[in-house]
Amino acid sequence: MSEKHTVRFEPVGIEIEVDESQTILRAAAEPDYEKEEGYTLLCRAHAYEDVTIELLNYDEDMIRSGLPIQQAVAEVVSKDHVTHDMRHLVLRLVEPGEIKFFPGQYMDIAVPGTDQVRSFSMANTSSKEGLLEFVIKVYPDGLFSHFLDERVQPGDRLELTGPFGVFTLREGDQDLVFIGGGAGMAPILSLLRSMAERGIGRKATFFYGARGRRDLCFEDEIRALAEKLPDFSYVPALSHEEWDGENGLITDVVKRLVGNIAGAHAYVCGPPPMVEAALPLLETLGVPDKRIYYDKFTTTGEPS
C-alpha cells in the first residue's frame, strides 16, 4: 500500500492528504473546491513527502467555491461533423442523471480498453436536461479522437469523471476578450451561451482563428448570440485562405483590431502555439496577468 503525504496550498492555507499513487490535481479535486496550479503541472505531479505549494494567479473565491468531482456513465446520442476534422459529441447521462458544473469546465473521458483518460471541455452550460456536449478535434493517431471517429456509435456508453478546471467566467463589469482556435471553441461557446442565458451585457469580443473556411464552425449560433448580447462582436480570421473577412494569425488580428483592453479579462483556449503567442501579447496590450485565463490543449496525434 502506498504512503500518504500532506500537501499544503499557500497563501490560502488549505491542506489535503495525497496518496503517492494519486496525482496532486486529482487529490485536490476530491474536496469540494478547485485550485489553479503555479509553475508545476499538478495533473502529473505526485507527492512523495509532505510539501507546500505556492499558488500563483489564483482566485480564492474559485478555490473555495468548486463543485464535487463525480464518476458518471453516459450514453452516446450523436457525433456530428461540425468541420472536416471536428466532431460535436453529445452524451446523455445515465448515472447520475445530472452533474453540476460551471460553464467552461471539462470532464475526463475514459478511453475504452485502456487505462487512459482524455480531457474535453463542455460546450453547453449545464446538464439539467441530462446532456453533455463536447467539440473534439480528430487526430488520426489520437487515442480517443480516432476511437471516437472510427468506432463510437449512438447507444455506446462511456465513463466520465469531473468536472475539473477554472476556465470560468469571473464576475465584474470589465470588458471581455475571448481568443480561441480549433476545439477551443467548446469552453468559449459555453461561456457565451451562459452570458446570453444570464443576461450579462459586458462588452465582449470573440476572436477565433482557423486555417480556412472549412475550419469554421457554430457560425450561425455565434451570430445569433450577438443578437442576445448587446455589446458582443465575433471576429473570425483565416490564416491560410483569402476571404472577405480578417486574414492572418489570430494573434496578429487581435493586435491589429483589439484597441484599448487595459484592465480587461481575457480567456484563451486552443492549440499550444496559439496560446503561447497570445499570453505575452495580452500582457503587452495591458491585460493584467492575473486576469488572463487559459486552457492549452495537448494532443496525442497529428491533425488530419
Protein backbone atom coordinates (compact mmCIF):
# COMPACT_ATOMS: atom_id res chain seq x y z
CA MET A 1 0.00 0.00 0.00
CA SER A 2 1.43 3.41 -0.97
CA GLU A 3 2.03 6.08 1.66
CA LYS A 4 0.07 9.30 2.13
CA HIS A 5 1.50 12.78 2.46
CA THR A 6 0.19 16.23 3.33
CA VAL A 7 0.10 18.87 0.61
CA ARG A 8 -0.49 22.44 1.75
CA PHE A 9 -1.55 25.21 -0.62
CA GLU A 10 -0.42 28.73 0.26
CA PRO A 11 -1.33 31.51 0.72
CA VAL A 12 -4.87 30.12 1.13
CA GLY A 13 -3.87 27.73 3.92
CA ILE A 14 -5.66 24.65 2.54
CA GLU A 15 -4.26 21.21 3.34
CA ILE A 16 -5.13 17.91 1.67
CA GLU A 17 -3.93 14.34 2.08
CA VAL A 18 -2.49 12.76 -1.07
CA ASP A 19 -1.72 9.12 -1.70
CA GLU A 20 1.54 8.54 -3.59
CA SER A 21 -0.40 6.79 -6.34
CA GLN A 22 -2.58 9.88 -6.95
CA THR A 23 -1.68 12.99 -8.86
CA ILE A 24 -1.90 16.11 -6.75
CA LEU A 25 -4.53 17.53 -9.10
CA ARG A 26 -6.83 14.55 -8.71
CA ALA A 27 -6.43 14.51 -4.93
CA ALA A 28 -7.08 18.24 -4.72
CA ALA A 29 -10.26 17.84 -6.76
CA GLU A 30 -11.85 15.35 -4.35
CA PRO A 31 -12.60 18.02 -1.65
CA ASP A 32 -15.42 20.36 -2.65
CA TYR A 33 -13.23 23.03 -4.22
CA GLU A 34 -10.88 23.61 -7.15
CA LYS A 35 -7.50 25.26 -7.46
CA GLU A 36 -5.09 26.57 -10.07
CA GLU A 37 -1.54 25.36 -10.46
CA GLY A 38 1.52 27.61 -10.45
CA TYR A 39 4.65 26.53 -12.29
CA THR A 40 4.17 22.81 -11.86
CA LEU A 41 1.83 20.51 -13.76
CA LEU A 42 -0.19 19.20 -10.86
CA CYS A 43 -2.06 16.95 -13.27
CA ARG A 44 1.16 14.90 -13.50
CA ALA A 45 2.86 15.58 -10.17
CA HIS A 46 2.91 13.01 -7.33
CA ALA A 47 3.82 13.74 -3.71
CA TYR A 48 6.42 11.50 -2.05
CA GLU A 49 6.79 13.64 1.08
CA ASP A 50 4.91 16.45 2.81
CA VAL A 51 5.06 19.51 0.58
CA THR A 52 3.88 23.14 0.41
CA ILE A 53 2.79 24.53 -2.96
CA GLU A 54 2.60 28.26 -3.63
CA LEU A 55 -0.36 29.14 -5.84
CA LEU A 56 0.19 31.84 -8.46
CA ASN A 57 -2.55 33.74 -10.31
CA TYR A 58 -5.08 32.02 -8.11
CA ASP A 59 -8.64 33.11 -7.45
CA GLU A 60 -9.52 32.36 -3.83
CA ASP A 61 -13.26 32.57 -4.48
CA MET A 62 -12.91 29.92 -7.19
CA ILE A 63 -10.76 27.73 -4.97
CA ARG A 64 -13.41 27.65 -2.27
CA SER A 65 -16.50 27.51 -4.48
CA GLY A 66 -15.72 24.43 -6.54
CA LEU A 67 -18.04 21.51 -7.17
CA PRO A 68 -17.66 17.88 -6.10
CA ILE A 69 -16.00 15.52 -8.55
CA GLN A 70 -18.30 12.71 -9.70
CA GLN A 71 -17.96 9.44 -11.56
CA ALA A 72 -20.55 9.05 -14.30
CA VAL A 73 -21.72 6.80 -17.10
CA ALA A 74 -23.14 8.41 -20.23
CA GLU A 75 -24.68 7.15 -23.46
CA VAL A 76 -23.69 8.48 -26.87
CA VAL A 77 -26.52 10.42 -28.51
CA SER A 78 -24.70 11.72 -31.59
CA LYS A 79 -21.28 12.64 -33.02
CA ASP A 80 -21.98 15.06 -35.85
CA HIS A 81 -19.34 16.64 -38.07
CA VAL A 82 -19.01 20.38 -37.45
CA THR A 83 -15.91 20.69 -39.66
CA HIS A 84 -13.86 18.22 -41.66
CA ASP A 85 -11.86 17.31 -38.54
CA MET A 86 -14.02 18.28 -35.54
CA ARG A 87 -16.94 16.38 -34.07
CA HIS A 88 -19.82 17.58 -31.92
CA LEU A 89 -20.20 14.77 -29.40
CA VAL A 90 -23.44 14.72 -27.40
CA LEU A 91 -23.78 12.39 -24.42
CA ARG A 92 -26.80 11.64 -22.25
CA LEU A 93 -26.01 10.99 -18.60
CA VAL A 94 -27.21 7.61 -17.36
CA GLU A 95 -25.85 7.54 -13.82
CA PRO A 96 -26.12 10.06 -12.28
CA GLY A 97 -28.72 11.84 -14.34
CA GLU A 98 -27.15 15.25 -13.77
CA ILE A 99 -23.68 16.63 -12.99
CA LYS A 100 -23.27 20.18 -11.78
CA PHE A 101 -20.51 22.12 -13.47
CA PHE A 102 -19.53 25.70 -14.19
CA PRO A 103 -19.59 26.81 -17.84
CA GLY A 104 -16.04 26.48 -19.15
CA GLN A 105 -15.12 23.37 -17.15
CA TYR A 106 -14.12 19.97 -18.54
CA MET A 107 -14.60 16.25 -17.95
CA ASP A 108 -12.20 13.33 -18.17
CA ILE A 109 -13.50 10.63 -20.52
CA ALA A 110 -12.06 7.13 -20.13
CA VAL A 111 -10.71 5.58 -23.33
CA PRO A 112 -12.36 2.12 -23.54
CA GLY A 113 -9.93 -0.78 -23.43
CA THR A 114 -7.14 1.29 -21.87
CA ASP A 115 -6.26 2.82 -18.52
CA GLN A 116 -6.08 6.26 -20.14
CA VAL A 117 -8.39 9.26 -19.97
CA ARG A 118 -8.69 12.32 -22.18
CA SER A 119 -10.00 15.71 -21.09
CA PHE A 120 -12.63 17.64 -23.04
CA SER A 121 -14.45 20.88 -22.25
CA MET A 122 -18.21 21.06 -22.25
CA ALA A 123 -19.82 23.36 -24.83
CA ASN A 124 -23.18 23.53 -23.05
CA THR A 125 -23.91 25.41 -19.85
CA SER A 126 -25.47 22.72 -17.65
CA SER A 127 -26.63 19.11 -17.67
CA LYS A 128 -30.14 19.89 -16.42
CA GLU A 129 -31.55 18.12 -19.45
CA GLY A 130 -29.19 15.23 -18.84
CA LEU A 131 -26.90 16.13 -21.75
CA LEU A 132 -23.22 16.98 -22.10
CA GLU A 133 -21.84 18.49 -25.32
CA PHE A 134 -18.23 18.41 -26.49
CA VAL A 135 -16.36 19.67 -29.54
CA ILE A 136 -13.48 17.28 -30.26
CA LYS A 137 -10.76 17.61 -32.87
CA VAL A 138 -9.95 14.34 -34.64
CA TYR A 139 -6.33 13.24 -34.96
CA PRO A 140 -5.56 10.09 -36.98
CA ASP A 141 -3.30 8.84 -34.19
CA GLY A 142 -5.28 10.41 -31.35
CA LEU A 143 -6.01 7.81 -28.69
CA PHE A 144 -9.58 8.96 -28.03
CA SER A 145 -10.43 11.06 -31.08
CA HIS A 146 -9.52 8.29 -33.55
CA PHE A 147 -11.59 5.86 -31.45
CA LEU A 148 -14.44 8.38 -31.48
CA ASP A 149 -14.33 8.85 -35.22
CA GLU A 150 -13.96 5.22 -36.21
CA ARG A 151 -15.77 3.16 -33.59
CA VAL A 152 -18.12 5.12 -31.35
CA GLN A 153 -21.80 4.73 -32.24
CA PRO A 154 -25.04 6.12 -30.76
CA GLY A 155 -26.04 3.98 -27.80
CA ASP A 156 -22.45 3.22 -26.74
CA ARG A 157 -21.60 4.03 -23.16
CA LEU A 158 -18.61 6.00 -21.86
CA GLU A 159 -17.26 6.58 -18.36
CA LEU A 160 -16.58 10.13 -17.23
CA THR A 161 -15.08 11.92 -14.24
CA GLY A 162 -15.42 15.58 -13.35
CA PRO A 163 -15.95 18.45 -13.50
CA PHE A 164 -12.47 19.96 -13.48
CA GLY A 165 -10.95 23.31 -14.38
CA VAL A 166 -11.10 27.01 -13.60
CA PHE A 167 -11.68 28.37 -17.12
CA THR A 168 -14.83 30.02 -15.82
CA LEU A 169 -16.33 33.48 -16.11
CA ARG A 170 -15.30 35.77 -13.26
CA GLU A 171 -17.81 38.31 -12.04
CA GLY A 172 -17.33 42.02 -12.70
CA ASP A 173 -18.03 44.70 -15.27
CA GLN A 174 -14.69 44.57 -17.09
CA ASP A 175 -14.56 44.08 -20.84
CA LEU A 176 -14.07 40.50 -22.03
CA VAL A 177 -11.70 39.26 -24.73
CA PHE A 178 -12.02 35.65 -25.92
CA ILE A 179 -9.33 34.15 -28.16
CA GLY A 180 -9.90 30.65 -29.50
CA GLY A 181 -8.83 28.15 -32.11
CA GLY A 182 -9.78 24.59 -33.02
CA ALA A 183 -11.67 22.74 -30.28
CA GLY A 184 -11.06 25.75 -28.04
CA MET A 185 -14.45 26.70 -29.42
CA ALA A 186 -16.14 24.46 -26.81
CA PRO A 187 -15.45 26.24 -23.49
CA ILE A 188 -15.73 29.70 -25.05
CA LEU A 189 -19.07 28.77 -26.60
CA SER A 190 -20.16 27.57 -23.16
CA LEU A 191 -19.21 30.93 -21.63
CA LEU A 192 -21.00 32.89 -24.37
CA ARG A 193 -24.13 30.75 -24.06
CA SER A 194 -24.04 31.30 -20.30
CA MET A 195 -23.74 35.07 -20.74
CA ALA A 196 -26.77 35.07 -23.02
CA GLU A 197 -28.78 32.94 -20.59
CA ARG A 198 -27.88 35.17 -17.64
CA GLY A 199 -28.38 38.45 -19.47
CA ILE A 200 -24.77 39.58 -18.96
CA GLY A 201 -24.20 42.73 -21.00
CA ARG A 202 -20.44 43.22 -20.62
CA LYS A 203 -18.57 44.30 -23.74
CA ALA A 204 -17.13 41.12 -25.26
CA THR A 205 -15.15 40.23 -28.37
CA PHE A 206 -14.52 36.69 -29.59
CA PHE A 207 -11.51 36.27 -31.87
CA TYR A 208 -11.44 32.81 -33.47
CA GLY A 209 -8.55 31.63 -35.60
CA ALA A 210 -8.83 28.99 -38.33
CA ARG A 211 -6.78 27.91 -41.34
CA GLY A 212 -9.60 28.07 -43.90
CA ARG A 213 -13.35 28.45 -44.19
CA ARG A 214 -13.84 24.71 -43.81
CA ASP A 215 -12.43 25.04 -40.27
CA LEU A 216 -15.09 27.48 -39.06
CA CYS A 217 -17.98 26.13 -37.00
CA PHE A 218 -21.03 27.25 -35.00
CA GLU A 219 -21.09 30.40 -37.13
CA ASP A 220 -24.89 30.71 -37.20
CA GLU A 221 -25.24 30.23 -33.47
CA ILE A 222 -22.50 32.70 -32.61
CA ARG A 223 -24.06 35.33 -34.82
CA ALA A 224 -27.42 34.62 -33.18
CA LEU A 225 -25.80 35.12 -29.78
CA ALA A 226 -24.76 38.56 -30.97
CA GLU A 227 -28.47 39.40 -31.15
CA LYS A 228 -28.85 38.48 -27.47
CA LEU A 229 -25.62 40.01 -26.18
CA PRO A 230 -25.90 43.81 -26.54
CA ASP A 231 -22.17 44.59 -26.85
CA PHE A 232 -20.69 41.44 -28.41
CA SER A 233 -18.53 41.13 -31.52
CA TYR A 234 -17.35 37.99 -33.32
CA VAL A 235 -14.12 38.20 -35.34
CA PRO A 236 -13.14 35.02 -37.20
CA ALA A 237 -9.82 35.07 -39.06
CA LEU A 238 -8.26 32.74 -41.62
CA SER A 239 -4.50 32.16 -41.75
CA HIS A 240 -4.24 30.04 -44.92
CA GLU A 241 -7.07 31.26 -47.16
CA GLU A 242 -8.02 34.65 -48.55
CA TRP A 243 -11.60 35.76 -47.97
CA ASP A 244 -13.62 38.89 -47.30
CA GLY A 245 -13.04 38.64 -43.54
CA GLU A 246 -9.89 39.03 -41.45
CA ASN A 247 -6.73 37.28 -42.58
CA GLY A 248 -3.61 36.24 -40.68
CA LEU A 249 -2.70 34.55 -37.44
CA ILE A 250 -5.33 35.25 -34.83
CA THR A 251 -2.82 36.91 -32.51
CA ASP A 252 -1.85 39.34 -35.28
CA VAL A 253 -5.53 40.10 -35.85
CA VAL A 254 -6.05 40.72 -32.13
CA LYS A 255 -3.06 43.06 -32.02
CA ARG A 256 -4.38 44.98 -35.04
CA LEU A 257 -8.02 45.31 -34.00
CA VAL A 258 -8.47 44.98 -30.27
CA GLY A 259 -7.86 48.59 -29.25
CA ASN A 260 -7.51 49.54 -25.59
CA ILE A 261 -8.09 46.49 -23.40
CA ALA A 262 -6.11 47.55 -20.33
CA GLY A 263 -7.93 46.06 -17.36
CA ALA A 264 -9.99 43.61 -19.42
CA HIS A 265 -10.49 39.93 -18.58
CA ALA A 266 -9.08 37.63 -21.26
CA TYR A 267 -9.89 33.96 -21.96
CA VAL A 268 -7.65 31.96 -24.29
CA CYS A 269 -8.25 28.38 -25.39
CA GLY A 270 -6.83 26.35 -28.24
CA PRO A 271 -3.66 24.77 -29.63
CA PRO A 272 -0.46 25.34 -27.62
CA PRO A 273 1.27 27.58 -30.21
CA MET A 274 -1.73 29.91 -30.30
CA VAL A 275 -1.95 30.09 -26.51
CA GLU A 276 1.81 30.62 -26.15
CA ALA A 277 1.65 33.53 -28.60
CA ALA A 278 -1.49 35.06 -27.07
CA LEU A 279 -0.36 35.23 -23.44
CA PRO A 280 2.57 37.67 -23.85
CA LEU A 281 0.58 39.66 -26.41
CA LEU A 282 -2.26 40.23 -23.98
CA GLU A 283 0.17 41.41 -21.31
CA THR A 284 1.72 43.93 -23.72
CA LEU A 285 -1.80 45.14 -24.50
CA GLY A 286 -2.38 45.90 -20.83
CA VAL A 287 -4.34 42.86 -19.61
CA PRO A 288 -3.19 42.06 -16.05
CA ASP A 289 -1.53 38.66 -15.83
CA LYS A 290 -3.92 37.62 -13.05
CA ARG A 291 -6.85 38.36 -15.38
CA ILE A 292 -5.70 36.07 -18.21
CA TYR A 293 -7.35 32.65 -18.03
CA TYR A 294 -6.31 29.93 -20.43
CA ASP A 295 -6.57 26.29 -21.43
CA LYS A 296 -3.77 24.95 -23.59
CA PHE A 297 -4.79 21.75 -25.34
CA THR A 298 -2.35 18.87 -25.82
CA THR A 299 -2.63 16.11 -28.40
CA THR A 300 -1.51 12.53 -28.97
CA GLY A 301 -1.67 12.60 -32.75
CA GLU A 302 -1.25 14.77 -35.82
CA PRO A 303 -4.18 16.69 -37.33
CA SER A 304 -5.80 15.22 -40.41
